[in-house]
N, C-alpha and C. Protein backbone atom coordinates (compact mmCIF):
# COMPACT_ATOMS: atom_id res chain seq x y z
N MET A 1 0.85 -1.20 0.00
CA MET A 1 0.00 0.00 0.00
C MET A 1 0.89 1.24 0.00
N THR A 2 0.58 2.21 -0.89
CA THR A 2 1.38 3.43 -0.96
C THR A 2 1.11 4.32 0.22
N ASP A 3 2.02 5.32 0.43
CA ASP A 3 1.82 6.26 1.54
C ASP A 3 0.48 6.98 1.40
N ARG A 4 0.15 7.31 0.12
CA ARG A 4 -1.11 8.03 -0.12
C ARG A 4 -2.30 7.18 0.28
N ASN A 5 -2.25 5.89 -0.08
CA ASN A 5 -3.35 5.00 0.27
C ASN A 5 -3.45 4.76 1.77
N ARG A 6 -2.30 4.80 2.46
CA ARG A 6 -2.32 4.64 3.91
C ARG A 6 -2.97 5.84 4.58
N ARG A 7 -2.73 7.02 3.96
CA ARG A 7 -3.25 8.24 4.57
C ARG A 7 -4.76 8.37 4.41
N LEU A 8 -5.35 7.84 3.37
CA LEU A 8 -6.77 8.04 3.08
C LEU A 8 -7.67 7.55 4.21
N PRO A 9 -7.46 6.30 4.75
CA PRO A 9 -8.31 5.88 5.87
C PRO A 9 -8.15 6.77 7.10
N ILE A 10 -6.92 7.25 7.34
CA ILE A 10 -6.68 8.11 8.49
C ILE A 10 -7.41 9.44 8.34
N VAL A 11 -7.36 10.01 7.13
CA VAL A 11 -8.05 11.27 6.86
C VAL A 11 -9.55 11.08 7.00
N ALA A 12 -10.06 9.97 6.46
CA ALA A 12 -11.50 9.71 6.54
C ALA A 12 -11.96 9.56 7.99
N LEU A 13 -11.15 8.84 8.80
CA LEU A 13 -11.48 8.66 10.20
C LEU A 13 -11.46 9.97 10.94
N SER A 14 -10.45 10.79 10.68
CA SER A 14 -10.34 12.11 11.33
C SER A 14 -11.54 12.98 10.99
N LEU A 15 -11.98 12.94 9.71
CA LEU A 15 -13.13 13.75 9.28
C LEU A 15 -14.39 13.27 9.97
N ALA A 16 -14.56 11.95 10.06
CA ALA A 16 -15.75 11.39 10.71
C ALA A 16 -15.80 11.79 12.18
N LEU A 17 -14.64 11.75 12.85
CA LEU A 17 -14.59 12.14 14.26
C LEU A 17 -14.91 13.62 14.44
N ALA A 18 -14.40 14.43 13.52
CA ALA A 18 -14.66 15.87 13.60
C ALA A 18 -16.14 16.17 13.42
N LEU A 19 -16.77 15.47 12.45
CA LEU A 19 -18.19 15.69 12.22
C LEU A 19 -19.01 15.24 13.42
N ALA A 20 -18.64 14.09 13.99
CA ALA A 20 -19.35 13.59 15.16
C ALA A 20 -19.21 14.52 16.34
N THR A 21 -18.01 15.06 16.54
CA THR A 21 -17.77 15.99 17.63
C THR A 21 -18.57 17.27 17.44
N GLY A 22 -18.61 17.76 16.19
CA GLY A 22 -19.37 18.97 15.91
C GLY A 22 -20.84 18.77 16.14
N SER A 23 -21.37 17.59 15.75
CA SER A 23 -22.78 17.29 15.97
C SER A 23 -23.09 17.22 17.45
N ALA A 24 -22.23 16.59 18.22
CA ALA A 24 -22.45 16.49 19.67
C ALA A 24 -22.43 17.86 20.31
N ALA A 25 -21.48 18.71 19.84
CA ALA A 25 -21.39 20.05 20.41
C ALA A 25 -22.65 20.84 20.13
N ALA A 26 -23.22 20.64 18.89
CA ALA A 26 -24.42 21.37 18.53
C ALA A 26 -25.60 20.98 19.41
N GLN A 27 -25.59 19.74 19.91
CA GLN A 27 -26.68 19.25 20.73
C GLN A 27 -26.52 19.60 22.21
N GLN A 28 -25.41 20.19 22.58
CA GLN A 28 -25.15 20.46 23.98
C GLN A 28 -26.11 21.50 24.55
N SER A 29 -26.39 21.35 25.84
CA SER A 29 -27.22 22.33 26.52
C SER A 29 -26.38 23.55 26.90
N ILE A 30 -27.07 24.67 27.12
CA ILE A 30 -26.41 25.90 27.56
C ILE A 30 -27.03 26.31 28.88
N ASP A 31 -26.21 26.51 29.89
CA ASP A 31 -26.69 26.83 31.24
C ASP A 31 -25.80 27.93 31.81
N LYS A 32 -26.40 29.08 32.12
CA LYS A 32 -25.61 30.18 32.67
C LYS A 32 -26.44 30.96 33.69
N VAL A 33 -25.75 31.79 34.47
CA VAL A 33 -26.42 32.63 35.46
C VAL A 33 -26.64 34.03 34.93
N LEU A 34 -25.60 34.60 34.34
CA LEU A 34 -25.68 35.95 33.80
C LEU A 34 -25.49 35.92 32.29
N GLY A 35 -26.38 36.61 31.60
CA GLY A 35 -26.19 36.74 30.17
C GLY A 35 -27.27 36.08 29.35
N SER A 36 -27.45 36.59 28.15
CA SER A 36 -28.46 36.08 27.24
C SER A 36 -27.95 34.86 26.49
N ILE A 37 -28.87 34.14 25.87
CA ILE A 37 -28.55 32.95 25.09
C ILE A 37 -29.17 33.09 23.71
N THR A 38 -28.41 32.74 22.69
CA THR A 38 -28.92 32.74 21.33
C THR A 38 -28.72 31.36 20.71
N ALA A 39 -29.82 30.76 20.27
CA ALA A 39 -29.75 29.52 19.50
C ALA A 39 -29.72 29.91 18.03
N GLN A 40 -28.63 29.66 17.37
CA GLN A 40 -28.42 30.17 16.02
C GLN A 40 -29.29 29.45 14.99
N ALA A 41 -29.61 30.16 13.94
CA ALA A 41 -30.52 29.68 12.90
C ALA A 41 -30.09 28.32 12.35
N GLY A 42 -31.04 27.41 12.29
CA GLY A 42 -30.80 26.12 11.67
C GLY A 42 -30.00 25.14 12.49
N GLN A 43 -29.57 25.52 13.69
CA GLN A 43 -28.75 24.64 14.51
C GLN A 43 -29.60 23.91 15.56
N ALA A 44 -29.06 22.82 16.11
CA ALA A 44 -29.77 22.02 17.10
C ALA A 44 -29.09 22.14 18.46
N TYR A 45 -29.90 22.25 19.50
CA TYR A 45 -29.39 22.43 20.86
C TYR A 45 -30.17 21.55 21.83
N GLY A 46 -29.60 21.38 23.01
CA GLY A 46 -30.30 20.75 24.12
C GLY A 46 -31.09 21.79 24.88
N ASP A 47 -31.12 21.69 26.21
CA ASP A 47 -31.82 22.67 27.04
C ASP A 47 -31.07 24.01 27.06
N LEU A 48 -31.83 25.09 27.12
CA LEU A 48 -31.27 26.43 27.22
C LEU A 48 -31.76 27.05 28.52
N GLU A 49 -30.83 27.39 29.43
CA GLU A 49 -31.23 27.93 30.72
C GLU A 49 -30.33 29.08 31.14
N THR A 50 -30.96 30.17 31.59
CA THR A 50 -30.23 31.28 32.16
C THR A 50 -31.07 31.87 33.28
N VAL A 51 -30.43 32.64 34.16
CA VAL A 51 -31.16 33.28 35.25
C VAL A 51 -31.46 34.73 34.91
N ASN A 52 -30.44 35.47 34.55
CA ASN A 52 -30.60 36.89 34.21
C ASN A 52 -30.19 37.11 32.76
N GLY A 53 -31.15 37.01 31.89
CA GLY A 53 -30.87 37.20 30.47
C GLY A 53 -32.00 36.68 29.62
N SER A 54 -32.08 37.18 28.41
CA SER A 54 -33.11 36.75 27.48
C SER A 54 -32.65 35.52 26.71
N ILE A 55 -33.59 34.87 26.05
CA ILE A 55 -33.29 33.73 25.20
C ILE A 55 -33.87 34.01 23.82
N SER A 56 -33.03 33.89 22.81
CA SER A 56 -33.45 34.11 21.42
C SER A 56 -33.20 32.84 20.62
N ILE A 57 -34.25 32.31 20.04
CA ILE A 57 -34.15 31.10 19.22
C ILE A 57 -34.42 31.51 17.78
N GLU A 58 -33.40 31.43 16.95
CA GLU A 58 -33.47 31.97 15.61
C GLU A 58 -34.18 31.03 14.63
N THR A 59 -34.39 31.52 13.42
CA THR A 59 -35.16 30.81 12.41
C THR A 59 -34.68 29.38 12.19
N GLY A 60 -35.61 28.43 12.31
CA GLY A 60 -35.30 27.05 12.00
C GLY A 60 -34.46 26.32 13.02
N ALA A 61 -34.12 26.96 14.13
CA ALA A 61 -33.33 26.28 15.17
C ALA A 61 -34.20 25.25 15.88
N THR A 62 -33.55 24.26 16.45
CA THR A 62 -34.24 23.22 17.21
C THR A 62 -33.64 23.16 18.60
N THR A 63 -34.47 23.21 19.63
CA THR A 63 -33.99 23.14 21.01
C THR A 63 -34.90 22.22 21.83
N LYS A 64 -34.39 21.83 22.98
CA LYS A 64 -35.25 21.19 23.96
C LYS A 64 -35.87 22.30 24.80
N ASP A 65 -36.03 22.11 26.10
CA ASP A 65 -36.67 23.13 26.92
C ASP A 65 -35.81 24.39 27.01
N ALA A 66 -36.46 25.54 27.15
CA ALA A 66 -35.76 26.81 27.32
C ALA A 66 -36.41 27.58 28.46
N GLY A 67 -35.58 28.11 29.38
CA GLY A 67 -36.14 28.82 30.52
C GLY A 67 -35.22 29.88 31.06
N THR A 68 -35.82 30.96 31.57
CA THR A 68 -35.07 32.02 32.22
C THR A 68 -35.90 32.56 33.37
N VAL A 69 -35.27 33.34 34.25
CA VAL A 69 -36.00 33.97 35.35
C VAL A 69 -36.29 35.42 35.00
N ASN A 70 -35.26 36.16 34.67
CA ASN A 70 -35.41 37.58 34.33
C ASN A 70 -35.01 37.81 32.89
N GLY A 71 -36.00 37.74 32.02
CA GLY A 71 -35.72 37.94 30.60
C GLY A 71 -36.82 37.34 29.75
N GLY A 72 -36.94 37.86 28.55
CA GLY A 72 -37.96 37.36 27.63
C GLY A 72 -37.43 36.22 26.78
N ILE A 73 -38.36 35.55 26.11
CA ILE A 73 -38.02 34.48 25.19
C ILE A 73 -38.64 34.80 23.83
N SER A 74 -37.82 34.85 22.80
CA SER A 74 -38.33 35.09 21.44
C SER A 74 -37.93 33.92 20.55
N VAL A 75 -38.87 33.48 19.74
CA VAL A 75 -38.66 32.33 18.87
C VAL A 75 -39.02 32.74 17.45
N ALA A 76 -38.07 32.60 16.53
CA ALA A 76 -38.29 33.01 15.14
C ALA A 76 -39.03 31.92 14.36
N ASP A 77 -39.38 32.24 13.13
CA ASP A 77 -40.17 31.35 12.28
C ASP A 77 -39.56 29.96 12.16
N LYS A 78 -40.45 28.96 12.13
CA LYS A 78 -40.12 27.57 11.81
C LYS A 78 -39.17 26.89 12.81
N ALA A 79 -39.00 27.49 13.97
CA ALA A 79 -38.19 26.84 15.01
C ALA A 79 -39.01 25.75 15.71
N ILE A 80 -38.30 24.83 16.35
CA ILE A 80 -38.93 23.75 17.10
C ILE A 80 -38.32 23.73 18.50
N THR A 81 -39.15 23.77 19.53
CA THR A 81 -38.65 23.83 20.89
C THR A 81 -39.41 22.87 21.81
N GLY A 82 -38.91 22.75 23.04
CA GLY A 82 -39.65 22.10 24.11
C GLY A 82 -40.38 23.15 24.92
N ASP A 83 -40.60 22.90 26.21
CA ASP A 83 -41.27 23.87 27.08
C ASP A 83 -40.52 25.20 27.07
N LEU A 84 -41.28 26.29 27.10
CA LEU A 84 -40.70 27.63 27.21
C LEU A 84 -41.23 28.28 28.48
N GLU A 85 -40.32 28.67 29.39
CA GLU A 85 -40.74 29.22 30.68
C GLU A 85 -39.89 30.42 31.07
N THR A 86 -40.55 31.44 31.60
CA THR A 86 -39.86 32.57 32.19
C THR A 86 -40.68 33.06 33.37
N VAL A 87 -40.05 33.85 34.24
CA VAL A 87 -40.77 34.42 35.36
C VAL A 87 -41.10 35.88 35.07
N ASN A 88 -40.09 36.67 34.78
CA ASN A 88 -40.28 38.09 34.48
C ASN A 88 -39.87 38.36 33.04
N GLY A 89 -40.81 38.20 32.15
CA GLY A 89 -40.50 38.42 30.74
C GLY A 89 -41.61 37.87 29.87
N SER A 90 -41.64 38.36 28.64
CA SER A 90 -42.65 37.93 27.69
C SER A 90 -42.15 36.77 26.85
N ILE A 91 -43.09 36.08 26.22
CA ILE A 91 -42.78 35.00 25.28
C ILE A 91 -43.43 35.35 23.95
N LYS A 92 -42.61 35.40 22.91
CA LYS A 92 -43.13 35.76 21.59
C LYS A 92 -42.65 34.76 20.54
N LEU A 93 -43.60 34.18 19.82
CA LEU A 93 -43.29 33.19 18.80
C LEU A 93 -43.63 33.71 17.41
N GLY A 94 -42.75 33.44 16.46
CA GLY A 94 -43.00 33.81 15.08
C GLY A 94 -43.94 32.82 14.41
N ARG A 95 -43.85 32.75 13.09
CA ARG A 95 -44.77 31.90 12.33
C ARG A 95 -44.26 30.46 12.23
N ASP A 96 -45.22 29.54 12.19
CA ASP A 96 -44.93 28.11 11.97
C ASP A 96 -43.95 27.56 13.00
N VAL A 97 -44.09 27.98 14.22
CA VAL A 97 -43.25 27.47 15.32
C VAL A 97 -43.95 26.29 15.98
N THR A 98 -43.17 25.25 16.28
CA THR A 98 -43.70 24.09 16.99
C THR A 98 -43.10 24.05 18.38
N VAL A 99 -43.94 23.96 19.39
CA VAL A 99 -43.49 23.84 20.78
C VAL A 99 -44.00 22.51 21.32
N ASN A 100 -43.09 21.62 21.57
CA ASN A 100 -43.45 20.32 22.13
C ASN A 100 -43.52 20.44 23.65
N GLY A 101 -44.53 21.13 24.10
CA GLY A 101 -44.68 21.42 25.52
C GLY A 101 -45.60 22.60 25.72
N SER A 102 -45.34 23.39 26.77
CA SER A 102 -46.20 24.50 27.16
C SER A 102 -45.45 25.82 27.12
N LEU A 103 -46.22 26.91 27.24
CA LEU A 103 -45.67 28.26 27.36
C LEU A 103 -46.11 28.80 28.72
N GLU A 104 -45.15 29.20 29.55
CA GLU A 104 -45.50 29.68 30.89
C GLU A 104 -44.65 30.90 31.26
N THR A 105 -45.33 31.92 31.77
CA THR A 105 -44.64 33.06 32.35
C THR A 105 -45.48 33.58 33.51
N VAL A 106 -44.85 34.31 34.42
CA VAL A 106 -45.59 34.91 35.52
C VAL A 106 -45.94 36.34 35.18
N ASN A 107 -44.93 37.15 34.93
CA ASN A 107 -45.14 38.56 34.61
C ASN A 107 -44.68 38.83 33.19
N GLY A 108 -45.59 38.68 32.26
CA GLY A 108 -45.23 38.91 30.87
C GLY A 108 -46.32 38.44 29.93
N SER A 109 -46.35 39.04 28.76
CA SER A 109 -47.35 38.67 27.76
C SER A 109 -46.89 37.45 26.96
N VAL A 110 -47.83 36.84 26.25
CA VAL A 110 -47.53 35.70 25.39
C VAL A 110 -48.21 35.94 24.04
N PHE A 111 -47.45 35.75 22.96
CA PHE A 111 -48.03 35.89 21.62
C PHE A 111 -47.50 34.78 20.72
N VAL A 112 -48.42 34.15 19.98
CA VAL A 112 -48.06 33.10 19.03
C VAL A 112 -48.63 33.49 17.68
N ASP A 113 -47.76 33.59 16.67
CA ASP A 113 -48.19 34.00 15.33
C ASP A 113 -48.75 32.81 14.56
N ARG A 114 -49.15 33.05 13.34
CA ARG A 114 -49.84 32.05 12.51
C ARG A 114 -49.02 30.78 12.32
N GLY A 115 -49.74 29.67 12.28
CA GLY A 115 -49.09 28.39 12.03
C GLY A 115 -48.46 27.77 13.24
N GLY A 116 -48.65 28.37 14.41
CA GLY A 116 -48.07 27.83 15.63
C GLY A 116 -48.73 26.52 16.03
N LYS A 117 -47.93 25.63 16.59
CA LYS A 117 -48.45 24.37 17.12
C LYS A 117 -47.85 24.15 18.50
N ILE A 118 -48.69 24.24 19.53
CA ILE A 118 -48.26 24.08 20.91
C ILE A 118 -48.94 22.82 21.44
N THR A 119 -48.17 21.84 21.86
CA THR A 119 -48.79 20.57 22.24
C THR A 119 -49.51 20.63 23.58
N LYS A 120 -49.11 21.56 24.46
CA LYS A 120 -49.78 21.70 25.76
C LYS A 120 -50.45 23.07 25.83
N GLY A 121 -50.45 23.71 27.02
CA GLY A 121 -51.20 24.93 27.18
C GLY A 121 -50.36 26.17 27.34
N ILE A 122 -51.05 27.29 27.59
CA ILE A 122 -50.42 28.59 27.82
C ILE A 122 -50.91 29.11 29.16
N GLU A 123 -49.97 29.60 29.99
CA GLU A 123 -50.35 30.06 31.32
C GLU A 123 -49.50 31.25 31.73
N ASN A 124 -50.13 32.26 32.32
CA ASN A 124 -49.41 33.36 32.95
C ASN A 124 -50.24 33.93 34.09
N VAL A 125 -49.71 34.96 34.74
CA VAL A 125 -50.45 35.64 35.79
C VAL A 125 -50.78 37.06 35.34
N ASN A 126 -49.76 37.80 34.96
CA ASN A 126 -49.93 39.20 34.55
C ASN A 126 -49.44 39.38 33.12
N GLY A 127 -50.36 39.74 32.24
CA GLY A 127 -49.97 39.99 30.86
C GLY A 127 -50.97 39.40 29.88
N SER A 128 -51.09 40.02 28.74
CA SER A 128 -52.04 39.57 27.73
C SER A 128 -51.55 38.27 27.08
N ILE A 129 -52.51 37.51 26.55
CA ILE A 129 -52.22 36.29 25.82
C ILE A 129 -52.93 36.37 24.48
N GLY A 130 -52.18 36.19 23.39
CA GLY A 130 -52.79 36.25 22.06
C GLY A 130 -52.23 35.19 21.15
N ILE A 131 -53.10 34.52 20.42
CA ILE A 131 -52.68 33.54 19.43
C ILE A 131 -53.43 33.79 18.13
N VAL A 132 -52.79 33.50 17.01
CA VAL A 132 -53.42 33.67 15.70
C VAL A 132 -53.15 32.42 14.87
N GLY A 133 -54.20 31.81 14.33
CA GLY A 133 -54.02 30.65 13.48
C GLY A 133 -53.18 29.56 14.12
N THR A 134 -53.41 29.33 15.40
CA THR A 134 -52.57 28.44 16.20
C THR A 134 -53.36 27.24 16.70
N ASP A 135 -52.71 26.09 16.72
CA ASP A 135 -53.30 24.88 17.29
C ASP A 135 -52.71 24.68 18.67
N LEU A 136 -53.55 24.78 19.69
CA LEU A 136 -53.11 24.68 21.08
C LEU A 136 -53.66 23.40 21.70
N GLY A 137 -52.77 22.50 22.08
CA GLY A 137 -53.18 21.21 22.59
C GLY A 137 -53.80 21.25 23.97
N GLY A 138 -53.50 22.28 24.76
CA GLY A 138 -54.05 22.43 26.09
C GLY A 138 -54.96 23.63 26.17
N GLY A 139 -55.05 24.22 27.38
CA GLY A 139 -55.91 25.37 27.58
C GLY A 139 -55.12 26.65 27.80
N ILE A 140 -55.86 27.72 28.09
CA ILE A 140 -55.27 29.03 28.38
C ILE A 140 -55.71 29.44 29.78
N GLU A 141 -54.74 29.82 30.63
CA GLU A 141 -55.05 30.27 31.98
C GLU A 141 -54.31 31.56 32.30
N THR A 142 -55.01 32.48 32.97
CA THR A 142 -54.38 33.72 33.40
C THR A 142 -55.13 34.25 34.61
N VAL A 143 -54.62 35.33 35.19
CA VAL A 143 -55.28 36.03 36.29
C VAL A 143 -55.57 37.46 35.88
N ASN A 144 -54.55 38.16 35.38
CA ASN A 144 -54.68 39.58 35.05
C ASN A 144 -54.29 39.85 33.61
N GLY A 145 -54.88 39.13 32.67
CA GLY A 145 -54.49 39.34 31.28
C GLY A 145 -55.65 39.21 30.32
N ASP A 146 -55.72 40.09 29.33
CA ASP A 146 -56.67 39.93 28.23
C ASP A 146 -56.28 38.71 27.41
N ILE A 147 -57.27 38.09 26.79
CA ILE A 147 -57.02 36.91 25.97
C ILE A 147 -57.63 37.11 24.59
N THR A 148 -56.84 36.82 23.56
CA THR A 148 -57.36 36.84 22.19
C THR A 148 -57.05 35.50 21.53
N VAL A 149 -58.11 34.78 21.21
CA VAL A 149 -57.98 33.56 20.42
C VAL A 149 -58.29 33.97 18.99
N GLY A 150 -57.24 34.27 18.23
CA GLY A 150 -57.40 34.89 16.94
C GLY A 150 -57.91 33.97 15.86
N ALA A 151 -58.13 34.55 14.69
CA ALA A 151 -58.75 33.86 13.56
C ALA A 151 -58.11 32.52 13.27
N GLY A 152 -58.96 31.49 13.15
CA GLY A 152 -58.49 30.18 12.76
C GLY A 152 -57.78 29.39 13.83
N SER A 153 -57.76 29.86 15.05
CA SER A 153 -57.08 29.15 16.13
C SER A 153 -57.96 28.05 16.71
N HIS A 154 -57.31 27.05 17.28
CA HIS A 154 -58.02 25.92 17.89
C HIS A 154 -57.43 25.66 19.27
N VAL A 155 -58.22 25.92 20.31
CA VAL A 155 -57.80 25.70 21.69
C VAL A 155 -58.51 24.46 22.20
N ARG A 156 -57.76 23.45 22.61
CA ARG A 156 -58.36 22.16 22.94
C ARG A 156 -58.59 21.94 24.44
N GLY A 157 -58.21 22.90 25.25
CA GLY A 157 -58.33 22.69 26.70
C GLY A 157 -59.10 23.75 27.44
N GLY A 158 -59.92 24.53 26.75
CA GLY A 158 -60.73 25.54 27.42
C GLY A 158 -59.94 26.78 27.82
N ILE A 159 -60.62 27.68 28.51
CA ILE A 159 -60.04 28.93 28.98
C ILE A 159 -60.45 29.15 30.43
N LYS A 160 -59.50 29.61 31.25
CA LYS A 160 -59.82 29.93 32.63
C LYS A 160 -59.13 31.21 33.05
N ILE A 161 -59.90 32.12 33.63
CA ILE A 161 -59.33 33.32 34.25
C ILE A 161 -59.63 33.22 35.74
N GLU A 162 -58.58 33.12 36.54
CA GLU A 162 -58.74 32.93 37.97
C GLU A 162 -59.04 34.24 38.69
N LYS A 163 -59.59 34.10 39.86
CA LYS A 163 -59.94 35.26 40.68
C LYS A 163 -58.71 36.07 41.04
N ASN A 164 -58.83 37.37 40.93
CA ASN A 164 -57.78 38.29 41.34
C ASN A 164 -57.98 38.58 42.83
N GLU A 165 -57.04 38.13 43.66
CA GLU A 165 -57.19 38.28 45.11
C GLU A 165 -57.21 39.73 45.56
N SER A 166 -56.74 40.64 44.72
CA SER A 166 -56.74 42.06 45.09
C SER A 166 -58.02 42.77 44.65
N TRP A 167 -58.98 41.98 44.12
CA TRP A 167 -60.21 42.60 43.65
C TRP A 167 -60.88 43.40 44.78
N GLY A 168 -61.35 44.59 44.44
CA GLY A 168 -61.99 45.45 45.43
C GLY A 168 -61.03 46.46 46.03
N LYS A 169 -59.73 46.24 45.85
CA LYS A 169 -58.75 47.21 46.32
C LYS A 169 -58.40 48.15 45.16
N LYS A 170 -57.73 49.23 45.48
CA LYS A 170 -57.31 50.14 44.43
C LYS A 170 -56.15 49.50 43.68
N ASN A 171 -56.47 49.01 42.49
CA ASN A 171 -55.47 48.26 41.72
C ASN A 171 -55.77 48.46 40.25
N ARG A 172 -54.77 48.73 39.48
CA ARG A 172 -54.95 48.99 38.06
C ARG A 172 -55.49 47.75 37.33
N ASN A 173 -55.33 46.57 37.92
CA ASN A 173 -55.79 45.35 37.28
C ASN A 173 -57.25 45.02 37.60
N ASN A 174 -57.96 45.93 38.28
CA ASN A 174 -59.34 45.66 38.65
C ASN A 174 -60.34 45.90 37.53
N ARG A 175 -59.91 46.37 36.40
CA ARG A 175 -60.81 46.56 35.27
C ARG A 175 -61.30 45.21 34.76
N ASP A 176 -62.41 45.24 34.03
CA ASP A 176 -62.89 44.03 33.39
C ASP A 176 -61.93 43.63 32.27
N LEU A 177 -61.53 42.39 32.26
CA LEU A 177 -60.65 41.91 31.21
C LEU A 177 -61.44 41.65 29.92
N ARG A 178 -60.73 41.65 28.80
CA ARG A 178 -61.35 41.38 27.51
C ARG A 178 -60.92 40.01 27.01
N VAL A 179 -61.89 39.22 26.61
CA VAL A 179 -61.63 37.92 26.02
C VAL A 179 -62.30 37.90 24.65
N ILE A 180 -61.49 37.69 23.61
CA ILE A 180 -61.99 37.72 22.24
C ILE A 180 -61.77 36.37 21.58
N ILE A 181 -62.83 35.81 21.05
CA ILE A 181 -62.75 34.57 20.27
C ILE A 181 -63.04 34.97 18.83
N GLY A 182 -62.01 34.92 17.99
CA GLY A 182 -62.08 35.50 16.66
C GLY A 182 -62.74 34.61 15.60
N PRO A 183 -62.73 35.10 14.35
CA PRO A 183 -63.38 34.40 13.25
C PRO A 183 -62.85 32.97 13.08
N ASN A 184 -63.79 32.03 12.96
CA ASN A 184 -63.47 30.61 12.70
C ASN A 184 -62.57 29.99 13.77
N ALA A 185 -62.53 30.59 14.93
CA ALA A 185 -61.77 30.01 16.04
C ALA A 185 -62.63 28.97 16.75
N VAL A 186 -61.95 28.01 17.37
CA VAL A 186 -62.64 26.95 18.11
C VAL A 186 -62.02 26.85 19.49
N VAL A 187 -62.86 26.86 20.52
CA VAL A 187 -62.40 26.62 21.89
C VAL A 187 -63.16 25.41 22.42
N GLU A 188 -62.48 24.29 22.53
CA GLU A 188 -63.08 23.11 23.15
C GLU A 188 -62.94 23.22 24.66
N GLY A 189 -63.86 22.60 25.37
CA GLY A 189 -63.79 22.68 26.82
C GLY A 189 -64.48 23.91 27.35
N ALA A 190 -64.53 24.03 28.67
CA ALA A 190 -65.27 25.10 29.33
C ALA A 190 -64.49 26.41 29.33
N LEU A 191 -65.23 27.51 29.31
CA LEU A 191 -64.68 28.84 29.50
C LEU A 191 -65.14 29.29 30.88
N VAL A 192 -64.21 29.40 31.81
CA VAL A 192 -64.54 29.68 33.21
C VAL A 192 -63.89 30.99 33.63
N PHE A 193 -64.73 31.90 34.12
CA PHE A 193 -64.24 33.23 34.51
C PHE A 193 -64.60 33.49 35.96
N GLU A 194 -63.57 33.63 36.80
CA GLU A 194 -63.78 33.85 38.22
C GLU A 194 -63.71 35.34 38.59
N ARG A 195 -63.61 36.20 37.62
CA ARG A 195 -63.66 37.63 37.81
C ARG A 195 -64.36 38.23 36.60
N PRO A 196 -64.87 39.46 36.68
CA PRO A 196 -65.62 40.03 35.57
C PRO A 196 -64.78 40.17 34.29
N VAL A 197 -65.37 39.74 33.19
CA VAL A 197 -64.73 39.87 31.89
C VAL A 197 -65.78 40.30 30.87
N LYS A 198 -65.28 40.86 29.79
CA LYS A 198 -66.12 41.13 28.62
C LYS A 198 -65.75 40.09 27.56
N LEU A 199 -66.69 39.22 27.24
CA LEU A 199 -66.44 38.10 26.34
C LEU A 199 -67.09 38.37 24.99
N TYR A 200 -66.25 38.47 23.95
CA TYR A 200 -66.73 38.71 22.59
C TYR A 200 -66.44 37.47 21.75
N VAL A 201 -67.49 36.94 21.12
CA VAL A 201 -67.37 35.71 20.34
C VAL A 201 -67.85 35.97 18.93
N HIS A 202 -66.98 35.74 17.95
CA HIS A 202 -67.36 35.93 16.54
C HIS A 202 -68.46 34.95 16.15
N SER A 203 -69.32 35.38 15.26
CA SER A 203 -70.46 34.55 14.85
C SER A 203 -70.04 33.25 14.19
N SER A 204 -68.82 33.19 13.66
CA SER A 204 -68.33 31.97 13.01
C SER A 204 -67.52 31.08 13.95
N ALA A 205 -67.32 31.52 15.19
CA ALA A 205 -66.52 30.76 16.15
C ALA A 205 -67.37 29.72 16.86
N LYS A 206 -66.68 28.74 17.45
CA LYS A 206 -67.34 27.70 18.24
C LYS A 206 -66.68 27.62 19.60
N ILE A 207 -67.50 27.61 20.65
CA ILE A 207 -66.96 27.56 22.00
C ILE A 207 -67.72 26.54 22.85
N GLY A 208 -67.12 26.18 23.99
CA GLY A 208 -67.77 25.29 24.94
C GLY A 208 -68.65 26.07 25.89
N SER A 209 -68.99 25.45 27.00
CA SER A 209 -69.85 26.09 28.00
C SER A 209 -69.14 27.28 28.62
N VAL A 210 -69.94 28.26 29.06
CA VAL A 210 -69.38 29.49 29.63
C VAL A 210 -69.91 29.67 31.05
N THR A 211 -68.99 29.93 31.98
CA THR A 211 -69.36 30.22 33.37
C THR A 211 -68.74 31.54 33.78
N GLY A 212 -69.57 32.46 34.28
CA GLY A 212 -69.04 33.72 34.80
C GLY A 212 -69.04 34.87 33.83
N ALA A 213 -69.62 34.70 32.64
CA ALA A 213 -69.67 35.79 31.67
C ALA A 213 -70.82 35.53 30.70
N THR A 214 -71.26 36.59 30.05
CA THR A 214 -72.29 36.48 29.02
C THR A 214 -71.66 36.81 27.67
N PRO A 215 -71.61 35.84 26.75
CA PRO A 215 -70.97 36.09 25.44
C PRO A 215 -71.70 37.18 24.67
N VAL A 216 -70.93 38.02 24.03
CA VAL A 216 -71.47 39.05 23.14
C VAL A 216 -71.02 38.72 21.73
N ALA A 217 -71.97 38.48 20.85
CA ALA A 217 -71.63 38.08 19.47
C ALA A 217 -71.25 39.30 18.64
N TYR A 218 -70.32 39.08 17.72
CA TYR A 218 -69.96 40.12 16.75
C TYR A 218 -69.66 39.45 15.43
N SER A 219 -69.68 40.23 14.34
CA SER A 219 -69.51 39.63 13.02
C SER A 219 -68.47 40.34 12.14
N GLY A 220 -67.92 41.41 12.62
CA GLY A 220 -66.92 42.11 11.82
C GLY A 220 -65.54 41.49 11.94
N ASP A 221 -64.56 42.19 11.38
CA ASP A 221 -63.18 41.69 11.44
C ASP A 221 -62.58 41.85 12.82
N THR A 222 -63.05 42.82 13.58
CA THR A 222 -62.52 43.07 14.93
C THR A 222 -63.64 43.15 15.93
N ALA A 223 -63.33 42.83 17.16
CA ALA A 223 -64.32 42.88 18.24
C ALA A 223 -64.63 44.33 18.60
N PRO A 224 -65.80 44.56 19.19
CA PRO A 224 -66.14 45.93 19.65
C PRO A 224 -65.08 46.46 20.62
N THR A 225 -64.90 47.75 20.62
CA THR A 225 -63.91 48.35 21.50
C THR A 225 -64.48 48.60 22.90
N GLU A 226 -65.77 48.57 23.04
CA GLU A 226 -66.41 48.80 24.34
C GLU A 226 -67.07 47.52 24.82
């Protein structure tokens, strides 16, 4: 065997090891205390966790669970993730995002753009929740947030707004919340409201039983402002 022929298997083995190492590195989790995390476009990652910092998942990236305490989570189009959780921060998803899990925040809004697929539910305490053209495998729960189930969305676990314990005190959150069920939207399961809400349901939408509110039908592109 010539020197050149001897080198070929060695080069091939080295290349295979390099590719395997790179693939393993791409799958590694990221865990930090200070600082933001970015999952780069088209790359694959494990869990993403930080305490003080935001998390950005770029177009087409794939991750497992992602969570932070102080910071928002943004997910670009066509990304695939596991559970997304934050305490103080919003969660915003672009188009055609798949979440194999739930979306949870305490103080922050949640928005899911068209084509979203969330296998579980959405939950927060303070902040609006809005979805458009989204398939939600679970329900929606909040305490102090408006809810919009936008056009073409399908919520499979109902809606619940829990009682605000500060009700009756001087609190900016004591206003009646707005819940909008948009054109061709479907909400399976019960809609339960433990505090006063204004519930607007499009004439083309389908909903389950309602407790704690009287639905107001509308037929235009947007719900009434009052």
